Amino acid sequence: MDIRINKLLDIFQKKGWEFVGSIDTHSDWWFSDILQLNSIWRPVGTQLYLTLLTDPQIRDKKIIWCVAVSSVIPGSRHQLFIDQLTLNDINKISLSAFVENINKSVLIDQ
C-alpha cells in the first residue's frame, strides 16, 4: 500500500478509528480498493469507507489518485462522498484537521 495511504490510516487510528481491512467487493475500473474503518469513539461501531479512486485517464493501470471518504459502501463512481483527498495533497495539508472534520460529521465524542 502507498505510504501516503498508510499515513492517512495512521491519523484515522489516532483519531478514534480502527482499521478493519479491505471489504470484499468486486473491483471496478474506478477504484482500486475500499478500506473499512470502525469507530472506537461514540457512537462505537460507526463505519467509514475509504475508497481508493483510480485515475480515470489511465483505466488500464489502476493508478490511485484520490482517497474518498463515505459512510456507506459506494455503489458507483458518482457516489456523493463526505470528503476526498488526492494522494498529492496528503503531504500538503494537515491530516489531523482533515480527519477531525470527518469526525465532526459522523461522531458524537471526539
PDB file of N, CA and C in Angstrom:
ATOM      1  N   MET A   1       0.850  -1.179   0.000  1.00  0.00           N
ATOM      2  CA  MET A   1       0.000   0.000   0.000  1.00  0.00           C
ATOM      3  C   MET A   1       0.896   1.244   0.000  1.00  0.00           C
ATOM      4  N   ASP A   2       0.455   2.263  -0.680  1.00  0.00           N
ATOM      5  CA  ASP A   2       1.190   3.524  -0.766  1.00  0.00           C
ATOM      6  C   ASP A   2       1.428   4.108   0.623  1.00  0.00           C
ATOM      7  N   ILE A   3       2.618   4.617   0.857  1.00  0.00           N
ATOM      8  CA  ILE A   3       2.988   5.171   2.161  1.00  0.00           C
ATOM      9  C   ILE A   3       2.067   6.325   2.573  1.00  0.00           C
ATOM     10  N   ARG A   4       1.555   7.078   1.589  1.00  0.00           N
ATOM     11  CA  ARG A   4       0.654   8.192   1.908  1.00  0.00           C
ATOM     12  C   ARG A   4      -0.685   7.681   2.436  1.00  0.00           C
ATOM     13  N   ILE A   5      -1.151   6.571   1.898  1.00  0.00           N
ATOM     14  CA  ILE A   5      -2.397   5.975   2.395  1.00  0.00           C
ATOM     15  C   ILE A   5      -2.181   5.450   3.813  1.00  0.00           C
ATOM     16  N   ASN A   6      -1.036   4.839   4.048  1.00  0.00           N
ATOM     17  CA  ASN A   6      -0.711   4.374   5.402  1.00  0.00           C
ATOM     18  C   ASN A   6      -0.653   5.539   6.379  1.00  0.00           C
ATOM     19  N   LYS A   7      -0.116   6.666   5.935  1.00  0.00           N
ATOM     20  CA  LYS A   7      -0.044   7.865   6.771  1.00  0.00           C
ATOM     21  C   LYS A   7      -1.451   8.354   7.140  1.00  0.00           C
ATOM     22  N   LEU A   8      -2.355   8.363   6.163  1.00  0.00           N
ATOM     23  CA  LEU A   8      -3.742   8.758   6.407  1.00  0.00           C
ATOM     24  C   LEU A   8      -4.424   7.779   7.370  1.00  0.00           C
ATOM     25  N   LEU A   9      -4.223   6.481   7.161  1.00  0.00           N
ATOM     26  CA  LEU A   9      -4.802   5.476   8.057  1.00  0.00           C
ATOM     27  C   LEU A   9      -4.292   5.651   9.479  1.00  0.00           C
ATOM     28  N   ASP A  10      -3.023   5.970   9.633  1.00  0.00           N
ATOM     29  CA  ASP A  10      -2.438   6.184  10.953  1.00  0.00           C
ATOM     30  C   ASP A  10      -3.145   7.325  11.690  1.00  0.00           C
ATOM     31  N   ILE A  11      -3.414   8.417  10.986  1.00  0.00           N
ATOM     32  CA  ILE A  11      -4.109   9.552  11.609  1.00  0.00           C
ATOM     33  C   ILE A  11      -5.540   9.160  11.985  1.00  0.00           C
ATOM     34  N   PHE A  12      -6.232   8.443  11.103  1.00  0.00           N
ATOM     35  CA  PHE A  12      -7.586   7.983  11.443  1.00  0.00           C
ATOM     36  C   PHE A  12      -7.546   7.139  12.722  1.00  0.00           C
ATOM     37  N   GLN A  13      -6.555   6.264  12.843  1.00  0.00           N
ATOM     38  CA  GLN A  13      -6.462   5.396  14.020  1.00  0.00           C
ATOM     39  C   GLN A  13      -6.151   6.197  15.284  1.00  0.00           C
ATOM     40  N   LYS A  14      -5.416   7.276  15.160  1.00  0.00           N
ATOM     41  CA  LYS A  14      -5.135   8.130  16.315  1.00  0.00           C
ATOM     42  C   LYS A  14      -6.342   8.984  16.693  1.00  0.00           C
ATOM     43  N   LYS A  15      -7.288   9.134  15.768  1.00  0.00           N
ATOM     44  CA  LYS A  15      -8.454   9.995  15.991  1.00  0.00           C
ATOM     45  C   LYS A  15      -9.745   9.190  16.179  1.00  0.00           C
ATOM     46  N   GLY A  16      -9.637   7.953  16.679  1.00  0.00           N
ATOM     47  CA  GLY A  16     -10.839   7.222  17.072  1.00  0.00           C
ATOM     48  C   GLY A  16     -11.343   6.162  16.120  1.00  0.00           C
ATOM     49  N   TRP A  17     -10.520   5.738  15.184  1.00  0.00           N
ATOM     50  CA  TRP A  17     -10.956   4.737  14.216  1.00  0.00           C
ATOM     51  C   TRP A  17     -10.050   3.513  14.255  1.00  0.00           C
ATOM     52  N   GLU A  18     -10.650   2.364  14.005  1.00  0.00           N
ATOM     53  CA  GLU A  18      -9.916   1.108  13.913  1.00  0.00           C
ATOM     54  C   GLU A  18      -9.970   0.651  12.457  1.00  0.00           C
ATOM     55  N   PHE A  19      -8.820   0.341  11.887  1.00  0.00           N
ATOM     56  CA  PHE A  19      -8.759  -0.149  10.511  1.00  0.00           C
ATOM     57  C   PHE A  19      -9.121  -1.627  10.519  1.00  0.00           C
ATOM     58  N   VAL A  20     -10.205  -1.974   9.833  1.00  0.00           N
ATOM     59  CA  VAL A  20     -10.681  -3.345   9.783  1.00  0.00           C
ATOM     60  C   VAL A  20     -10.005  -4.109   8.644  1.00  0.00           C
ATOM     61  N   GLY A  21      -9.862  -3.460   7.493  1.00  0.00           N
ATOM     62  CA  GLY A  21      -9.251  -4.094   6.325  1.00  0.00           C
ATOM     63  C   GLY A  21     -10.038  -3.759   5.075  1.00  0.00           C
ATOM     64  N   SER A  22      -9.673  -4.421   4.000  1.00  0.00           N
ATOM     65  CA  SER A  22     -10.375  -4.239   2.726  1.00  0.00           C
ATOM     66  C   SER A  22     -11.723  -4.944   2.796  1.00  0.00           C
ATOM     67  N   ILE A  23     -12.731  -4.330   2.199  1.00  0.00           N
ATOM     68  CA  ILE A  23     -14.025  -5.009   2.159  1.00  0.00           C
ATOM     69  C   ILE A  23     -14.037  -5.943   0.953  1.00  0.00           C
ATOM     70  N   ASP A  24     -14.825  -6.964   1.053  1.00  0.00           N
ATOM     71  CA  ASP A  24     -14.916  -7.963  -0.004  1.00  0.00           C
ATOM     72  C   ASP A  24     -15.954  -7.498  -1.018  1.00  0.00           C
ATOM     73  N   THR A  25     -15.480  -6.855  -2.060  1.00  0.00           N
ATOM     74  CA  THR A  25     -16.370  -6.368  -3.107  1.00  0.00           C
ATOM     75  C   THR A  25     -15.673  -6.550  -4.450  1.00  0.00           C
ATOM     76  N   HIS A  26     -16.465  -6.654  -5.497  1.00  0.00           N
ATOM     77  CA  HIS A  26     -15.843  -6.782  -6.821  1.00  0.00           C
ATOM     78  C   HIS A  26     -15.153  -5.466  -7.171  1.00  0.00           C
ATOM     79  N   SER A  27     -14.099  -5.568  -7.888  1.00  0.00           N
ATOM     80  CA  SER A  27     -13.367  -4.372  -8.302  1.00  0.00           C
ATOM     81  C   SER A  27     -13.931  -3.853  -9.623  1.00  0.00           C
ATOM     82  N   ASP A  28     -13.940  -2.563  -9.759  1.00  0.00           N
ATOM     83  CA  ASP A  28     -14.386  -1.921 -10.986  1.00  0.00           C
ATOM     84  C   ASP A  28     -13.288  -0.969 -11.417  1.00  0.00           C
ATOM     85  N   TRP A  29     -13.385  -0.415 -12.605  1.00  0.00           N
ATOM     86  CA  TRP A  29     -12.299   0.418 -13.121  1.00  0.00           C
ATOM     87  C   TRP A  29     -12.072   1.680 -12.316  1.00  0.00           C
ATOM     88  N   TRP A  30     -13.075   2.188 -11.627  1.00  0.00           N
ATOM     89  CA  TRP A  30     -12.985   3.490 -10.971  1.00  0.00           C
ATOM     90  C   TRP A  30     -12.389   3.446  -9.567  1.00  0.00           C
ATOM     91  N   PHE A  31     -12.150   2.268  -9.003  1.00  0.00           N
ATOM     92  CA  PHE A  31     -11.488   2.186  -7.707  1.00  0.00           C
ATOM     93  C   PHE A  31     -10.549   0.986  -7.660  1.00  0.00           C
ATOM     94  N   SER A  32      -9.572   1.099  -6.777  1.00  0.00           N
ATOM     95  CA  SER A  32      -8.604   0.022  -6.597  1.00  0.00           C
ATOM     96  C   SER A  32      -8.961  -0.840  -5.393  1.00  0.00           C
ATOM     97  N   ASP A  33      -9.438  -0.203  -4.325  1.00  0.00           N
ATOM     98  CA  ASP A  33      -9.765  -0.914  -3.100  1.00  0.00           C
ATOM     99  C   ASP A  33     -10.701  -0.040  -2.268  1.00  0.00           C
ATOM    100  N   ILE A  34     -11.426  -0.673  -1.349  1.00  0.00           N
ATOM    101  CA  ILE A  34     -12.248   0.057  -0.386  1.00  0.00           C
ATOM    102  C   ILE A  34     -11.845  -0.444   0.992  1.00  0.00           C
ATOM    103  N   LEU A  35     -11.375   0.482   1.824  1.00  0.00           N
ATOM    104  CA  LEU A  35     -10.889   0.151   3.155  1.00  0.00           C
ATOM    105  C   LEU A  35     -11.960   0.503   4.187  1.00  0.00           C
ATOM    106  N   GLN A  36     -12.217  -0.413   5.107  1.00  0.00           N
ATOM    107  CA  GLN A  36     -13.239  -0.187   6.124  1.00  0.00           C
ATOM    108  C   GLN A  36     -12.610   0.221   7.444  1.00  0.00           C
ATOM    109  N   LEU A  37     -13.214   1.230   8.074  1.00  0.00           N
ATOM    110  CA  LEU A  37     -12.831   1.691   9.400  1.00  0.00           C
ATOM    111  C   LEU A  37     -14.061   1.606  10.300  1.00  0.00           C
ATOM    112  N   ASN A  38     -13.858   1.234  11.566  1.00  0.00           N
ATOM    113  CA  ASN A  38     -14.932   1.246  12.564  1.00  0.00           C
ATOM    114  C   ASN A  38     -14.531   2.181  13.678  1.00  0.00           C
ATOM    115  N   SER A  39     -15.489   2.966  14.158  1.00  0.00           N
ATOM    116  CA  SER A  39     -15.170   3.909  15.231  1.00  0.00           C
ATOM    117  C   SER A  39     -15.026   3.179  16.560  1.00  0.00           C
ATOM    118  N   ILE A  40     -14.071   3.680  17.362  1.00  0.00           N
ATOM    119  CA  ILE A  40     -13.930   3.201  18.730  1.00  0.00           C
ATOM    120  C   ILE A  40     -14.407   4.290  19.690  1.00  0.00           C
ATOM    121  N   TRP A  41     -14.787   5.429  19.131  1.00  0.00           N
ATOM    122  CA  TRP A  41     -15.395   6.523  19.879  1.00  0.00           C
ATOM    123  C   TRP A  41     -16.888   6.502  19.602  1.00  0.00           C
ATOM    124  N   ARG A  42     -17.676   7.234  20.416  1.00  0.00           N
ATOM    125  CA  ARG A  42     -19.128   7.244  20.244  1.00  0.00           C
ATOM    126  C   ARG A  42     -19.540   7.925  18.952  1.00  0.00           C
ATOM    127  N   PRO A  43     -20.494   7.362  18.286  1.00  0.00           N
ATOM    128  CA  PRO A  43     -21.084   6.055  18.530  1.00  0.00           C
ATOM    129  C   PRO A  43     -20.155   4.925  18.067  1.00  0.00           C
ATOM    130  N   VAL A  44     -19.811   4.058  19.001  1.00  0.00           N
ATOM    131  CA  VAL A  44     -18.922   2.938  18.733  1.00  0.00           C
ATOM    132  C   VAL A  44     -19.530   2.070  17.637  1.00  0.00           C
ATOM    133  N   GLY A  45     -18.696   1.659  16.704  1.00  0.00           N
ATOM    134  CA  GLY A  45     -19.162   0.800  15.620  1.00  0.00           C
ATOM    135  C   GLY A  45     -19.583   1.536  14.364  1.00  0.00           C
ATOM    136  N   THR A  46     -19.599   2.871  14.406  1.00  0.00           N
ATOM    137  CA  THR A  46     -19.884   3.633  13.186  1.00  0.00           C
ATOM    138  C   THR A  46     -18.850   3.248  12.142  1.00  0.00           C
ATOM    139  N   GLN A  47     -19.287   3.108  10.916  1.00  0.00           N
ATOM    140  CA  GLN A  47     -18.367   2.675   9.862  1.00  0.00           C
ATOM    141  C   GLN A  47     -18.058   3.804   8.888  1.00  0.00           C
ATOM    142  N   LEU A  48     -16.830   3.789   8.419  1.00  0.00           N
ATOM    143  CA  LEU A  48     -16.381   4.668   7.345  1.00  0.00           C
ATOM    144  C   LEU A  48     -15.713   3.813   6.292  1.00  0.00           C
ATOM    145  N   TYR A  49     -15.767   4.296   5.065  1.00  0.00           N
ATOM    146  CA  TYR A  49     -15.127   3.589   3.961  1.00  0.00           C
ATOM    147  C   TYR A  49     -14.220   4.557   3.225  1.00  0.00           C
ATOM    148  N   LEU A  50     -12.971   4.159   3.054  1.00  0.00           N
ATOM    149  CA  LEU A  50     -12.016   4.937   2.282  1.00  0.00           C
ATOM    150  C   LEU A  50     -11.872   4.243   0.934  1.00  0.00           C
ATOM    151  N   THR A  51     -12.394   4.899  -0.095  1.00  0.00           N
ATOM    152  CA  THR A  51     -12.339   4.327  -1.438  1.00  0.00           C
ATOM    153  C   THR A  51     -11.131   4.892  -2.156  1.00  0.00           C
ATOM    154  N   LEU A  52     -10.277   4.013  -2.636  1.00  0.00           N
ATOM    155  CA  LEU A  52      -9.077   4.407  -3.352  1.00  0.00           C
ATOM    156  C   LEU A  52      -9.438   4.546  -4.827  1.00  0.00           C
ATOM    157  N   LEU A  53      -9.727   5.784  -5.211  1.00  0.00           N
ATOM    158  CA  LEU A  53     -10.180   6.065  -6.569  1.00  0.00           C
ATOM    159  C   LEU A  53      -9.004   6.035  -7.543  1.00  0.00           C
ATOM    160  N   THR A  54      -9.245   5.476  -8.718  1.00  0.00           N
ATOM    161  CA  THR A  54      -8.189   5.399  -9.724  1.00  0.00           C
ATOM    162  C   THR A  54      -8.324   6.533 -10.729  1.00  0.00           C
ATOM    163  N   ASP A  55      -7.208   6.840 -11.347  1.00  0.00           N
ATOM    164  CA  ASP A  55      -7.147   7.912 -12.342  1.00  0.00           C
ATOM    165  C   ASP A  55      -8.012   7.538 -13.542  1.00  0.00           C
ATOM    166  N   PRO A  56      -9.056   8.325 -13.830  1.00  0.00           N
ATOM    167  CA  PRO A  56      -9.949   7.982 -14.945  1.00  0.00           C
ATOM    168  C   PRO A  56      -9.276   8.111 -16.314  1.00  0.00           C
ATOM    169  N   GLN A  57      -8.148   8.784 -16.382  1.00  0.00           N
ATOM    170  CA  GLN A  57      -7.433   8.931 -17.657  1.00  0.00           C
ATOM    171  C   GLN A  57      -6.567   7.709 -17.968  1.00  0.00           C
ATOM    172  N   ILE A  58      -6.287   6.894 -16.944  1.00  0.00           N
ATOM    173  CA  ILE A  58      -5.412   5.734 -17.126  1.00  0.00           C
ATOM    174  C   ILE A  58      -6.128   4.505 -16.567  1.00  0.00           C
ATOM    175  N   ARG A  59      -7.171   4.068 -17.217  1.00  0.00           N
ATOM    176  CA  ARG A  59      -8.026   2.996 -16.695  1.00  0.00           C
ATOM    177  C   ARG A  59      -7.337   1.638 -16.618  1.00  0.00           C
ATOM    178  N   ASP A  60      -6.426   1.347 -17.524  1.00  0.00           N
ATOM    179  CA  ASP A  60      -5.859   0.007 -17.595  1.00  0.00           C
ATOM    180  C   ASP A  60      -4.795  -0.266 -16.533  1.00  0.00           C
ATOM    181  N   LYS A  61      -4.266   0.758 -15.859  1.00  0.00           N
ATOM    182  CA  LYS A  61      -3.204   0.551 -14.868  1.00  0.00           C
ATOM    183  C   LYS A  61      -3.661   0.708 -13.428  1.00  0.00           C
ATOM    184  N   LYS A  62      -4.861   1.206 -13.185  1.00  0.00           N
ATOM    185  CA  LYS A  62      -5.420   1.381 -11.838  1.00  0.00           C
ATOM    186  C   LYS A  62      -4.486   2.172 -10.933  1.00  0.00           C
ATOM    187  N   ILE A  63      -4.064   3.321 -11.382  1.00  0.00           N
ATOM    188  CA  ILE A  63      -3.218   4.202 -10.592  1.00  0.00           C
ATOM    189  C   ILE A  63      -4.109   5.012  -9.651  1.00  0.00           C
ATOM    190  N   ILE A  64      -3.851   4.893  -8.344  1.00  0.00           N
ATOM    191  CA  ILE A  64      -4.658   5.595  -7.347  1.00  0.00           C
ATOM    192  C   ILE A  64      -4.272   7.066  -7.338  1.00  0.00           C
ATOM    193  N   TRP A  65      -5.272   7.935  -7.405  1.00  0.00           N
ATOM    194  CA  TRP A  65      -5.005   9.381  -7.378  1.00  0.00           C
ATOM    195  C   TRP A  65      -5.711  10.075  -6.226  1.00  0.00           C
ATOM    196  N   CYS A  66      -6.713   9.399  -5.615  1.00  0.00           N
ATOM    197  CA  CYS A  66      -7.534  10.081  -4.631  1.00  0.00           C
ATOM    198  C   CYS A  66      -8.111   9.074  -3.636  1.00  0.00           C
ATOM    199  N   VAL A  67      -8.313   9.540  -2.394  1.00  0.00           N
ATOM    200  CA  VAL A  67      -8.994   8.748  -1.367  1.00  0.00           C
ATOM    201  C   VAL A  67     -10.300   9.467  -1.053  1.00  0.00           C
ATOM    202  N   ALA A  68     -11.407   8.765  -1.235  1.00  0.00           N
ATOM    203  CA  ALA A  68     -12.722   9.339  -0.965  1.00  0.00           C
ATOM    204  C   ALA A  68     -13.303   8.685   0.281  1.00  0.00           C
ATOM    205  N   VAL A  69     -13.930   9.487   1.135  1.00  0.00           N
ATOM    206  CA  VAL A  69     -14.466   9.011   2.419  1.00  0.00           C
ATOM    207  C   VAL A  69     -15.989   8.996   2.336  1.00  0.00           C
ATOM    208  N   SER A  70     -16.583   7.881   2.757  1.00  0.00           N
ATOM    209  CA  SER A  70     -18.044   7.783   2.774  1.00  0.00           C
ATOM    210  C   SER A  70     -18.489   6.974   3.990  1.00  0.00           C
ATOM    211  N   SER A  71     -19.755   7.113   4.335  1.00  0.00           N
ATOM    212  CA  SER A  71     -20.314   6.359   5.455  1.00  0.00           C
ATOM    213  C   SER A  71     -21.047   5.106   4.983  1.00  0.00           C
ATOM    214  N   VAL A  72     -21.121   4.927   3.680  1.00  0.00           N
ATOM    215  CA  VAL A  72     -21.701   3.719   3.084  1.00  0.00           C
ATOM    216  C   VAL A  72     -20.753   3.216   2.002  1.00  0.00           C
ATOM    217  N   ILE A  73     -20.865   1.946   1.703  1.00  0.00           N
ATOM    218  CA  ILE A  73     -20.046   1.387   0.628  1.00  0.00           C
ATOM    219  C   ILE A  73     -20.503   2.019  -0.675  1.00  0.00           C
ATOM    220  N   PRO A  74     -19.601   2.678  -1.389  1.00  0.00           N
ATOM    221  CA  PRO A  74     -20.016   3.341  -2.629  1.00  0.00           C
ATOM    222  C   PRO A  74     -20.438   2.330  -3.692  1.00  0.00           C
ATOM    223  N   GLY A  75     -21.523   2.674  -4.355  1.00  0.00           N
ATOM    224  CA  GLY A  75     -22.040   1.788  -5.388  1.00  0.00           C
ATOM    225  C   GLY A  75     -21.633   2.171  -6.795  1.00  0.00           C
ATOM    226  N   SER A  76     -21.133   3.392  -6.944  1.00  0.00           N
ATOM    227  CA  SER A  76     -20.698   3.833  -8.268  1.00  0.00           C
ATOM    228  C   SER A  76     -19.720   4.981  -8.127  1.00  0.00           C
ATOM    229  N   ARG A  77     -19.113   5.345  -9.222  1.00  0.00           N
ATOM    230  CA  ARG A  77     -18.143   6.444  -9.203  1.00  0.00           C
ATOM    231  C   ARG A  77     -18.823   7.788  -8.996  1.00  0.00           C
ATOM    232  N   HIS A  78     -20.147   7.819  -9.073  1.00  0.00           N
ATOM    233  CA  HIS A  78     -20.901   9.052  -8.891  1.00  0.00           C
ATOM    234  C   HIS A  78     -21.397   9.216  -7.454  1.00  0.00           C
ATOM    235  N   GLN A  79     -20.887   8.388  -6.560  1.00  0.00           N
ATOM    236  CA  GLN A  79     -21.244   8.447  -5.140  1.00  0.00           C
ATOM    237  C   GLN A  79     -20.961   9.844  -4.589  1.00  0.00           C
ATOM    238  N   LEU A  80     -21.832  10.335  -3.735  1.00  0.00           N
ATOM    239  CA  LEU A  80     -21.551  11.573  -3.007  1.00  0.00           C
ATOM    240  C   LEU A  80     -20.733  11.201  -1.776  1.00  0.00           C
ATOM    241  N   PHE A  81     -19.524  11.700  -1.715  1.00  0.00           N
ATOM    242  CA  PHE A  81     -18.620  11.370  -0.624  1.00  0.00           C
ATOM    243  C   PHE A  81     -18.643  12.478   0.429  1.00  0.00           C
ATOM    244  N   ILE A  82     -18.323  12.114   1.681  1.00  0.00           N
ATOM    245  CA  ILE A  82     -18.218  13.096   2.758  1.00  0.00           C
ATOM    246  C   ILE A  82     -17.108  14.079   2.423  1.00  0.00           C
ATOM    247  N   ASP A  83     -15.996  13.536   1.952  1.00  0.00           N
ATOM    248  CA  ASP A  83     -14.854  14.355   1.546  1.00  0.00           C
ATOM    249  C   ASP A  83     -13.924  13.478   0.731  1.00  0.00           C
ATOM    250  N   GLN A  84     -12.986  14.097   0.061  1.00  0.00           N
ATOM    251  CA  GLN A  84     -11.966  13.338  -0.643  1.00  0.00           C
ATOM    252  C   GLN A  84     -10.665  14.125  -0.665  1.00  0.00           C
ATOM    253  N   LEU A  85      -9.588  13.382  -0.871  1.00  0.00           N
ATOM    254  CA  LEU A  85      -8.256  13.942  -0.743  1.00  0.00           C
ATOM    255  C   LEU A  85      -7.353  13.268  -1.767  1.00  0.00           C
ATOM    256  N   THR A  86      -6.679  14.062  -2.593  1.00  0.00           N
ATOM    257  CA  THR A  86      -5.755  13.460  -3.551  1.00  0.00           C
ATOM    258  C   THR A  86      -4.513  12.973  -2.815  1.00  0.00           C
ATOM    259  N   LEU A  87      -3.852  11.985  -3.382  1.00  0.00           N
ATOM    260  CA  LEU A  87      -2.633  11.479  -2.754  1.00  0.00           C
ATOM    261  C   LEU A  87      -1.580  12.579  -2.654  1.00  0.00           C
ATOM    262  N   ASN A  88      -1.508  13.446  -3.654  1.00  0.00           N
ATOM    263  CA  ASN A  88      -0.538  14.543  -3.617  1.00  0.00           C
ATOM    264  C   ASN A  88      -0.827  15.510  -2.470  1.00  0.00           C
ATOM    265  N   ASP A  89      -2.104  15.708  -2.141  1.00  0.00           N
ATOM    266  CA  ASP A  89      -2.461  16.638  -1.064  1.00  0.00           C
ATOM    267  C   ASP A  89      -2.196  16.067   0.330  1.00  0.00           C
ATOM    268  N   ILE A  90      -2.034  14.760   0.440  1.00  0.00           N
ATOM    269  CA  ILE A  90      -1.785  14.151   1.748  1.00  0.00           C
ATOM    270  C   ILE A  90      -0.555  14.752   2.405  1.00  0.00           C
ATOM    271  N   ASN A  91       0.457  15.068   1.631  1.00  0.00           N
ATOM    272  CA  ASN A  91       1.679  15.645   2.184  1.00  0.00           C
ATOM    273  C   ASN A  91       1.633  17.174   2.277  1.00  0.00           C
ATOM    274  N   LYS A  92       0.532  17.782   1.830  1.00  0.00           N
ATOM    275  CA  LYS A  92       0.446  19.238   1.797  1.00  0.00           C
ATOM    276  C   LYS A  92      -0.489  19.831   2.841  1.00  0.00           C
ATOM    277  N   ILE A  93      -1.413  19.034   3.356  1.00  0.00           N
ATOM    278  CA  ILE A  93      -2.408  19.568   4.289  1.00  0.00           C
ATOM    279  C   ILE A  93      -2.233  18.950   5.673  1.00  0.00           C
ATOM    280  N   SER A  94      -2.953  19.470   6.642  1.00  0.00           N
ATOM    281  CA  SER A  94      -2.976  18.886   7.978  1.00  0.00           C
ATOM    282  C   SER A  94      -3.940  17.702   7.962  1.00  0.00           C
ATOM    283  N   LEU A  95      -3.389  16.503   8.054  1.00  0.00           N
ATOM    284  CA  LEU A  95      -4.247  15.321   8.074  1.00  0.00           C
ATOM    285  C   LEU A  95      -5.078  15.258   9.347  1.00  0.00           C
ATOM    286  N   SER A  96      -4.540  15.779  10.438  1.00  0.00           N
ATOM    287  CA  SER A  96      -5.313  15.824  11.691  1.00  0.00           C
ATOM    288  C   SER A  96      -6.577  16.652  11.502  1.00  0.00           C
ATOM    289  N   ALA A  97      -6.452  17.810  10.879  1.00  0.00           N
ATOM    290  CA  ALA A  97      -7.618  18.666  10.635  1.00  0.00           C
ATOM    291  C   ALA A  97      -8.590  17.988   9.673  1.00  0.00           C
ATOM    292  N   PHE A  98      -8.081  17.311   8.665  1.00  0.00           N
ATOM    293  CA  PHE A  98      -8.932  16.601   7.707  1.00  0.00           C
ATOM    294  C   PHE A  98      -9.768  15.551   8.428  1.00  0.00           C
ATOM    295  N   VAL A  99      -9.125  14.723   9.269  1.00  0.00           N
ATOM    296  CA  VAL A  99      -9.840  13.665   9.982  1.00  0.00           C
ATOM    297  C   VAL A  99     -10.783  14.259  11.028  1.00  0.00           C
ATOM    298  N   GLU A 100     -10.385  15.329  11.687  1.00  0.00           N
ATOM    299  CA  GLU A 100     -11.277  15.979  12.653  1.00  0.00           C
ATOM    300  C   GLU A 100     -12.547  16.480  11.969  1.00  0.00           C
ATOM    301  N   ASN A 101     -12.445  16.987  10.759  1.00  0.00           N
ATOM    302  CA  ASN A 101     -13.636  17.412  10.015  1.00  0.00           C
ATOM    303  C   ASN A 101     -14.532  16.228   9.679  1.00  0.00           C
ATOM    304  N   ILE A 102     -13.931  15.107   9.316  1.00  0.00           N
ATOM    305  CA  ILE A 102     -14.715  13.896   9.079  1.00  0.00           C
ATOM    306  C   ILE A 102     -15.410  13.486  10.378  1.00  0.00           C
ATOM    307  N   ASN A 103     -14.660  13.490  11.474  1.00  0.00           N
ATOM    308  CA  ASN A 103     -15.243  13.108  12.773  1.00  0.00           C
ATOM    309  C   ASN A 103     -16.419  14.005  13.151  1.00  0.00           C
ATOM    310  N   LYS A 104     -16.316  15.290  12.897  1.00  0.00           N
ATOM    311  CA  LYS A 104     -17.420  16.200  13.224  1.00  0.00           C
ATOM    312  C   LYS A 104     -18.701  15.829  12.504  1.00  0.00           C
ATOM    313  N   SER A 105     -18.565  15.253  11.329  1.00  0.00           N
ATOM    314  CA  SER A 105     -19.769  14.927  10.568  1.00  0.00           C
ATOM    315  C   SER A 105     -20.342  13.559  10.933  1.00  0.00           C
ATOM    316  N   VAL A 106     -19.565  12.694  11.621  1.00  0.00           N
ATOM    317  CA  VAL A 106     -20.082  11.346  11.875  1.00  0.00           C
ATOM    318  C   VAL A 106     -20.011  10.893  13.324  1.00  0.00           C
ATOM    319  N   LEU A 107     -19.237  11.548  14.186  1.00  0.00           N
ATOM    320  CA  LEU A 107     -19.089  11.079  15.564  1.00  0.00           C
ATOM    321  C   LEU A 107     -19.612  12.103  16.565  1.00  0.00           C
ATOM    322  N   ILE A 108     -20.034  11.619  17.722  1.00  0.00           N
ATOM    323  CA  ILE A 108     -20.506  12.479  18.800  1.00  0.00           C
ATOM    324  C   ILE A 108     -19.329  12.898  19.680  1.00  0.00           C
ATOM    325  N   ASP A 109     -18.578  11.935  20.207  1.00  0.00           N
ATOM    326  CA  ASP A 109     -17.432  12.224  21.085  1.00  0.00           C
ATOM    327  C   ASP A 109     -16.147  12.235  20.271  1.00  0.00           C
ATOM    328  N   GLN A 110     -15.308  13.200  20.594  1.00  0.00           N
ATOM    329  CA  GLN A 110     -14.021  13.281  19.889  1.00  0.00           C
ATOM    330  C   GLN A 110     -12.916  13.527  20.878  1.00  0.00           C
TER     331      GLN A 110
END
